[in-house]
N, C-alpha and C. Protein backbone atom coordinates (compact mmCIF):
# COMPACT_ATOMS: atom_id res chain seq x y z
N UNK A 1 2.05 12.62 19.04
CA UNK A 1 1.23 11.53 19.04
C UNK A 1 0.76 10.93 17.97
N UNK A 2 0.25 10.28 17.38
CA UNK A 2 0.11 9.61 16.14
C UNK A 2 -1.65 9.97 15.58
N UNK A 3 -1.85 10.00 14.58
CA UNK A 3 -3.04 10.77 13.96
C UNK A 3 -3.64 9.25 13.59
N UNK A 4 -4.46 9.15 14.16
CA UNK A 4 -4.93 7.64 13.64
C UNK A 4 -6.81 8.07 12.60
N UNK A 5 -6.88 8.77 12.83
CA UNK A 5 -8.16 9.42 11.92
C UNK A 5 -7.59 10.24 10.43
N UNK A 6 -8.48 10.55 9.95
CA UNK A 6 -7.94 11.05 8.47
C UNK A 6 -7.91 12.40 9.09
N UNK A 7 -6.70 13.28 8.27
CA UNK A 7 -6.23 14.59 8.59
C UNK A 7 -7.15 15.60 7.81
N UNK A 8 -7.54 14.36 6.45
CA UNK A 8 -8.30 15.73 6.02
C UNK A 8 -9.69 15.50 5.75
N UNK A 9 -10.60 14.92 7.19
CA UNK A 9 -11.71 15.38 6.93
C UNK A 9 -12.14 16.63 7.36
N UNK A 10 -11.18 17.31 8.07
CA UNK A 10 -12.25 18.84 8.31
C UNK A 10 -11.20 19.82 7.59
N UNK A 11 -10.03 19.26 6.54
CA UNK A 11 -9.68 20.12 5.75
C UNK A 11 -10.41 21.07 4.20
N UNK A 12 -10.25 22.51 4.54
CA UNK A 12 -10.79 22.84 2.89
C UNK A 12 -10.28 22.59 1.80
N UNK A 13 -8.66 22.16 1.40
CA UNK A 13 -8.51 21.50 0.44
C UNK A 13 -8.52 19.84 -0.53
N UNK A 14 -8.86 19.40 0.73
CA UNK A 14 -10.09 17.85 0.19
C UNK A 14 -10.83 17.92 -0.41
N UNK A 15 -11.00 17.00 -0.70
CA UNK A 15 -12.62 17.11 -1.68
C UNK A 15 -13.26 15.75 -1.10
N UNK A 16 -14.70 15.54 -1.46
CA UNK A 16 -15.91 14.39 -0.71
C UNK A 16 -15.93 13.38 -1.88
N UNK A 17 -15.69 12.37 -1.88
CA UNK A 17 -15.16 10.99 -3.06
C UNK A 17 -16.92 10.87 -2.47
N UNK A 18 -17.96 11.03 -3.47
CA UNK A 18 -19.45 10.07 -3.52
C UNK A 18 -18.89 8.60 -3.16
N UNK A 19 -18.36 8.24 -3.62
CA UNK A 19 -18.09 6.65 -3.75
C UNK A 19 -18.12 5.86 -2.74
N UNK A 20 -16.90 6.32 -1.92
CA UNK A 20 -16.54 6.11 -0.78
C UNK A 20 -16.72 7.19 0.19
N UNK A 21 -17.43 7.54 0.13
CA UNK A 21 -18.18 8.19 1.22
C UNK A 21 -16.61 9.34 2.46
N UNK A 22 -15.66 9.50 1.97
CA UNK A 22 -14.97 9.95 2.75
C UNK A 22 -14.30 11.07 1.70
N UNK A 23 -13.52 12.00 2.91
CA UNK A 23 -12.98 13.22 2.66
C UNK A 23 -11.53 12.98 1.80
N UNK A 24 -11.27 13.11 0.46
CA UNK A 24 -9.88 12.74 0.06
C UNK A 24 -8.90 13.58 -0.18
N UNK A 25 -7.94 13.38 0.21
CA UNK A 25 -7.00 14.65 -0.19
C UNK A 25 -6.91 15.24 -1.64
N UNK A 26 -6.80 16.14 -2.27
CA UNK A 26 -6.32 16.92 -3.25
C UNK A 26 -5.61 17.02 -4.03
N UNK A 27 -4.71 16.94 -4.88
CA UNK A 27 -3.73 17.33 -5.44
C UNK A 27 -3.12 18.32 -5.33
N UNK A 28 -2.94 18.96 -4.31
CA UNK A 28 -2.59 20.37 -3.96
C UNK A 28 -1.23 20.16 -3.87
N UNK A 29 -0.23 21.02 -3.89
CA UNK A 29 0.76 21.01 -3.64
C UNK A 29 1.02 21.52 -1.44
N UNK A 30 0.06 21.98 -1.25
CA UNK A 30 -0.22 21.97 0.38
C UNK A 30 -0.79 21.12 0.44
N UNK A 31 -1.19 19.73 0.15
CA UNK A 31 -1.65 18.67 0.12
C UNK A 31 -0.34 17.68 0.59
N UNK A 32 0.65 18.38 -0.31
CA UNK A 32 1.45 17.14 -0.61
C UNK A 32 2.95 17.25 0.91
N UNK A 33 2.36 18.58 1.02
CA UNK A 33 3.42 18.79 2.59
C UNK A 33 2.91 19.36 3.84
N UNK A 34 1.38 18.61 3.59
CA UNK A 34 0.78 19.00 4.92
C UNK A 34 1.54 17.94 5.86
N UNK A 35 1.29 18.78 7.39
CA UNK A 35 2.56 17.80 8.45
C UNK A 35 1.44 16.61 9.09
N UNK A 36 0.50 16.94 9.04
CA UNK A 36 -0.65 16.05 9.62
C UNK A 36 -0.75 14.82 8.81
N UNK A 37 -0.63 15.01 7.16
CA UNK A 37 -1.10 13.67 6.39
C UNK A 37 0.53 12.89 6.28
N UNK A 38 1.13 13.68 6.50
CA UNK A 38 2.36 12.86 7.12
C UNK A 38 2.80 11.47 8.12
N UNK A 39 2.11 12.68 9.14
CA UNK A 39 2.00 11.94 10.45
C UNK A 39 1.30 10.71 10.29
N UNK A 40 -0.36 10.85 10.07
CA UNK A 40 -1.02 9.99 9.30
C UNK A 40 -0.66 8.55 8.56
N UNK A 41 0.35 8.90 7.91
CA UNK A 41 0.74 8.27 6.66
C UNK A 41 1.78 7.30 7.45
N UNK A 42 2.48 7.83 8.45
CA UNK A 42 3.51 6.89 9.34
C UNK A 42 3.11 6.59 10.56
N UNK A 43 2.18 6.95 10.85
CA UNK A 43 0.88 5.64 12.02
C UNK A 43 0.69 4.33 11.23
N UNK A 44 -0.13 4.95 9.68
CA UNK A 44 -0.44 3.32 8.98
C UNK A 44 0.29 2.68 8.79
N UNK A 45 1.32 3.19 8.49
CA UNK A 45 2.76 2.33 7.71
C UNK A 45 3.27 1.50 9.16
N UNK A 46 3.47 2.14 10.65
CA UNK A 46 3.36 1.37 11.90
C UNK A 46 2.51 0.45 12.03
N UNK A 47 1.29 0.45 11.74
CA UNK A 47 0.25 -0.75 11.74
C UNK A 47 0.11 -1.63 10.70
N UNK A 48 0.81 -2.01 9.63
CA UNK A 48 1.18 -2.56 8.77
C UNK A 48 1.80 -3.73 9.42
N UNK A 49 1.12 -5.55 8.89
CA UNK A 49 1.75 -6.73 9.24
C UNK A 49 3.25 -6.86 8.79
N UNK A 50 3.69 -6.64 7.38
CA UNK A 50 4.63 -6.82 6.32
C UNK A 50 5.41 -5.62 6.02
N UNK A 51 6.51 -6.01 5.50
CA UNK A 51 6.92 -5.07 4.94
C UNK A 51 7.25 -5.47 4.19
N UNK A 52 8.15 -4.30 3.27
CA UNK A 52 8.62 -5.18 1.65
C UNK A 52 9.75 -5.56 1.87
N UNK A 53 9.89 -6.59 1.33
CA UNK A 53 11.60 -7.71 0.71
C UNK A 53 12.57 -6.58 -0.33
N UNK A 54 12.78 -7.81 -1.12
CA UNK A 54 13.55 -7.86 -2.01
C UNK A 54 12.58 -8.06 -3.16
N UNK A 55 13.09 -7.46 -4.27
CA UNK A 55 11.83 -7.53 -5.36
C UNK A 55 12.18 -9.13 -5.83
N UNK A 56 10.90 -9.11 -6.48
CA UNK A 56 10.75 -10.95 -6.90
C UNK A 56 10.64 -10.25 -8.48
N UNK A 57 11.45 -11.21 -9.39
CA UNK A 57 11.64 -11.15 -10.46
C UNK A 57 11.06 -11.95 -11.15
N UNK A 58 11.06 -13.33 -10.93
CA UNK A 58 10.68 -14.47 -12.14
C UNK A 58 9.12 -14.97 -11.28
N UNK A 59 8.48 -16.28 -11.99
CA UNK A 59 7.36 -16.35 -11.90
C UNK A 59 7.71 -17.98 -10.80
N UNK A 60 8.80 -18.45 -10.60
CA UNK A 60 9.24 -19.41 -9.55
C UNK A 60 8.99 -18.79 -8.22
N UNK A 61 9.75 -17.86 -7.83
CA UNK A 61 9.90 -17.21 -6.64
C UNK A 61 8.62 -16.48 -6.53
N UNK A 62 8.05 -15.96 -7.44
CA UNK A 62 6.37 -15.75 -6.89
C UNK A 62 5.64 -16.85 -6.61
N UNK A 63 5.86 -17.69 -6.69
CA UNK A 63 4.89 -19.01 -6.54
C UNK A 63 5.02 -19.44 -5.17
N UNK A 64 6.18 -19.51 -4.93
CA UNK A 64 6.92 -19.44 -3.62
C UNK A 64 5.80 -18.90 -1.98
N UNK A 65 5.88 -17.78 -2.75
CA UNK A 65 5.61 -17.24 -1.52
C UNK A 65 4.07 -16.87 -1.24
N UNK A 66 3.71 -16.78 -0.03
CA UNK A 66 1.87 -16.67 0.53
C UNK A 66 1.68 -15.55 0.66
N UNK A 67 2.52 -14.46 0.97
CA UNK A 67 2.03 -13.01 0.68
C UNK A 67 3.01 -12.17 -0.01
N UNK A 68 2.65 -11.39 -0.65
CA UNK A 68 3.49 -10.22 -1.85
C UNK A 68 3.18 -8.96 -1.50
N UNK A 69 4.02 -7.71 -1.73
CA UNK A 69 3.39 -6.80 -2.02
C UNK A 69 3.83 -6.07 -3.27
N UNK A 70 2.40 -5.85 -3.74
CA UNK A 70 2.08 -6.01 -4.92
C UNK A 70 1.67 -4.15 -4.96
N UNK A 71 2.59 -2.89 -5.64
CA UNK A 71 3.00 -1.65 -5.66
C UNK A 71 2.60 -1.26 -4.24
N UNK A 72 3.05 -2.04 -3.36
CA UNK A 72 3.06 -1.56 -1.96
C UNK A 72 1.59 -1.90 -1.30
N UNK A 73 0.93 -2.60 -1.56
CA UNK A 73 -0.15 -3.55 -1.30
C UNK A 73 -0.17 -4.70 -0.83
N UNK A 74 -0.44 -5.03 0.36
CA UNK A 74 -0.10 -7.01 0.51
C UNK A 74 -1.53 -7.91 0.01
N UNK A 75 -0.89 -8.62 -1.00
CA UNK A 75 -1.99 -9.44 -1.44
C UNK A 75 -1.65 -10.77 -1.03
N UNK A 76 -2.77 -12.01 -0.95
CA UNK A 76 -2.04 -13.22 -0.57
C UNK A 76 -2.17 -13.76 -2.05
N UNK A 77 -1.43 -14.94 -2.42
CA UNK A 77 -0.65 -15.22 -3.38
C UNK A 77 -2.03 -15.95 -4.47
N UNK A 78 -2.81 -16.54 -3.64
CA UNK A 78 -4.05 -16.60 -4.47
C UNK A 78 -4.72 -15.09 -5.23
N UNK A 79 -4.76 -14.37 -4.70
CA UNK A 79 -5.56 -12.90 -6.00
C UNK A 79 -4.58 -12.57 -6.53
N UNK A 80 -3.02 -13.37 -6.61
CA UNK A 80 -2.13 -12.70 -7.61
C UNK A 80 -2.25 -14.15 -8.53
N UNK A 81 -2.99 -15.48 -7.93
CA UNK A 81 -2.96 -17.15 -8.73
C UNK A 81 -4.43 -16.52 -10.00
N UNK A 82 -5.20 -15.77 -9.98
CA UNK A 82 -6.60 -15.73 -10.05
C UNK A 82 -6.10 -14.32 -11.32
N UNK A 83 -5.11 -13.86 -11.21
CA UNK A 83 -5.19 -12.47 -12.71
C UNK A 83 -4.48 -13.75 -14.00
N UNK A 84 -4.27 -13.32 -14.86
CA UNK A 84 -4.08 -13.74 -16.37
C UNK A 84 -2.40 -14.00 -15.91
N UNK A 85 -2.05 -15.17 -16.95
CA UNK A 85 -0.73 -15.22 -16.66
C UNK A 85 0.33 -14.05 -17.54
N UNK A 86 -0.57 -13.35 -18.60
CA UNK A 86 -0.03 -12.00 -19.05
C UNK A 86 -0.11 -10.84 -18.56
N UNK A 87 -1.03 -10.92 -17.58
CA UNK A 87 -0.71 -9.73 -16.68
C UNK A 87 0.22 -9.86 -15.40
N UNK A 88 0.38 -11.08 -15.14
CA UNK A 88 1.45 -11.24 -14.14
C UNK A 88 2.67 -11.27 -14.83
N UNK A 89 2.69 -11.54 -16.28
CA UNK A 89 4.70 -11.58 -16.83
C UNK A 89 4.73 -9.82 -16.63
N UNK A 90 3.57 -9.16 -16.99
CA UNK A 90 3.69 -7.98 -17.38
C UNK A 90 4.04 -6.98 -15.75
N UNK A 91 3.54 -7.42 -14.43
CA UNK A 91 3.85 -6.93 -13.14
C UNK A 91 5.35 -7.46 -13.28
N UNK A 92 5.98 -8.59 -13.45
CA UNK A 92 6.94 -8.65 -13.17
C UNK A 92 8.10 -7.92 -13.76
N UNK A 93 7.73 -7.63 -14.87
CA UNK A 93 8.39 -7.44 -15.96
C UNK A 93 8.74 -5.68 -15.29
N UNK A 94 7.59 -5.00 -14.87
CA UNK A 94 7.75 -4.04 -14.39
C UNK A 94 8.13 -3.49 -12.78
N UNK A 95 8.27 -4.82 -11.90
CA UNK A 95 8.88 -5.02 -11.01
C UNK A 95 8.09 -4.64 -9.50
N UNK A 96 6.98 -4.54 -10.35
CA UNK A 96 5.63 -4.38 -8.96
C UNK A 96 5.66 -5.41 -8.08
N UNK A 97 5.78 -6.41 -7.90
CA UNK A 97 6.08 -7.55 -6.88
C UNK A 97 7.67 -7.68 -6.29
N UNK A 98 7.18 -7.50 -4.48
CA UNK A 98 7.97 -7.79 -3.42
C UNK A 98 7.67 -8.33 -2.53
N UNK A 99 8.55 -9.32 -1.91
CA UNK A 99 8.21 -10.10 -1.00
C UNK A 99 8.25 -9.93 0.09
N UNK A 100 6.58 -10.16 1.09
CA UNK A 100 6.24 -9.46 2.25
C UNK A 100 6.93 -10.41 2.94
N UNK A 101 7.65 -9.57 4.22
CA UNK A 101 8.54 -10.03 5.28
C UNK A 101 7.26 -9.87 6.57
N UNK A 102 7.26 -10.63 7.28
CA UNK A 102 6.35 -10.65 8.94
C UNK A 102 6.67 -9.70 9.53
N UNK A 103 6.26 -8.52 10.12
CA UNK A 103 6.64 -7.76 10.96
C UNK A 103 7.22 -8.47 12.02
N UNK A 104 8.07 -8.19 13.16
CA UNK A 104 7.59 -8.84 14.19
C UNK A 104 7.46 -7.83 15.00
N UNK A 105 7.03 -8.55 16.33
CA UNK A 105 5.92 -7.92 17.06
C UNK A 105 6.23 -7.12 18.61
N UNK A 106 5.92 -5.90 18.90
CA UNK A 106 7.00 -5.00 19.93
C UNK A 106 6.32 -5.68 21.05
N UNK A 107 6.99 -6.19 22.10
CA UNK A 107 6.74 -6.10 23.24
C UNK A 107 6.59 -4.64 24.42
């Protein structure tokens, strides 16, 4: 069974984030090995529309994409275009961008 809700909401190891009003997992060893968190993360990955493709290393390839993955988060190319050139080049050098491949729907 997939864990759809935040598994940290009742955990005593997590803490309450005032800004987001959510329970957030702590940086404790028991939080990183928690089975509920692993199951919840797996559930969230199954709901994503895009999966990571090959890394993007140059500006031309980046400009051809409509959607990219930036450190694992899906971003539209317009969000990347609004960054300064120096910032985009720095992220390209670090290998932060990957091609976003649309996931096929399962019936």
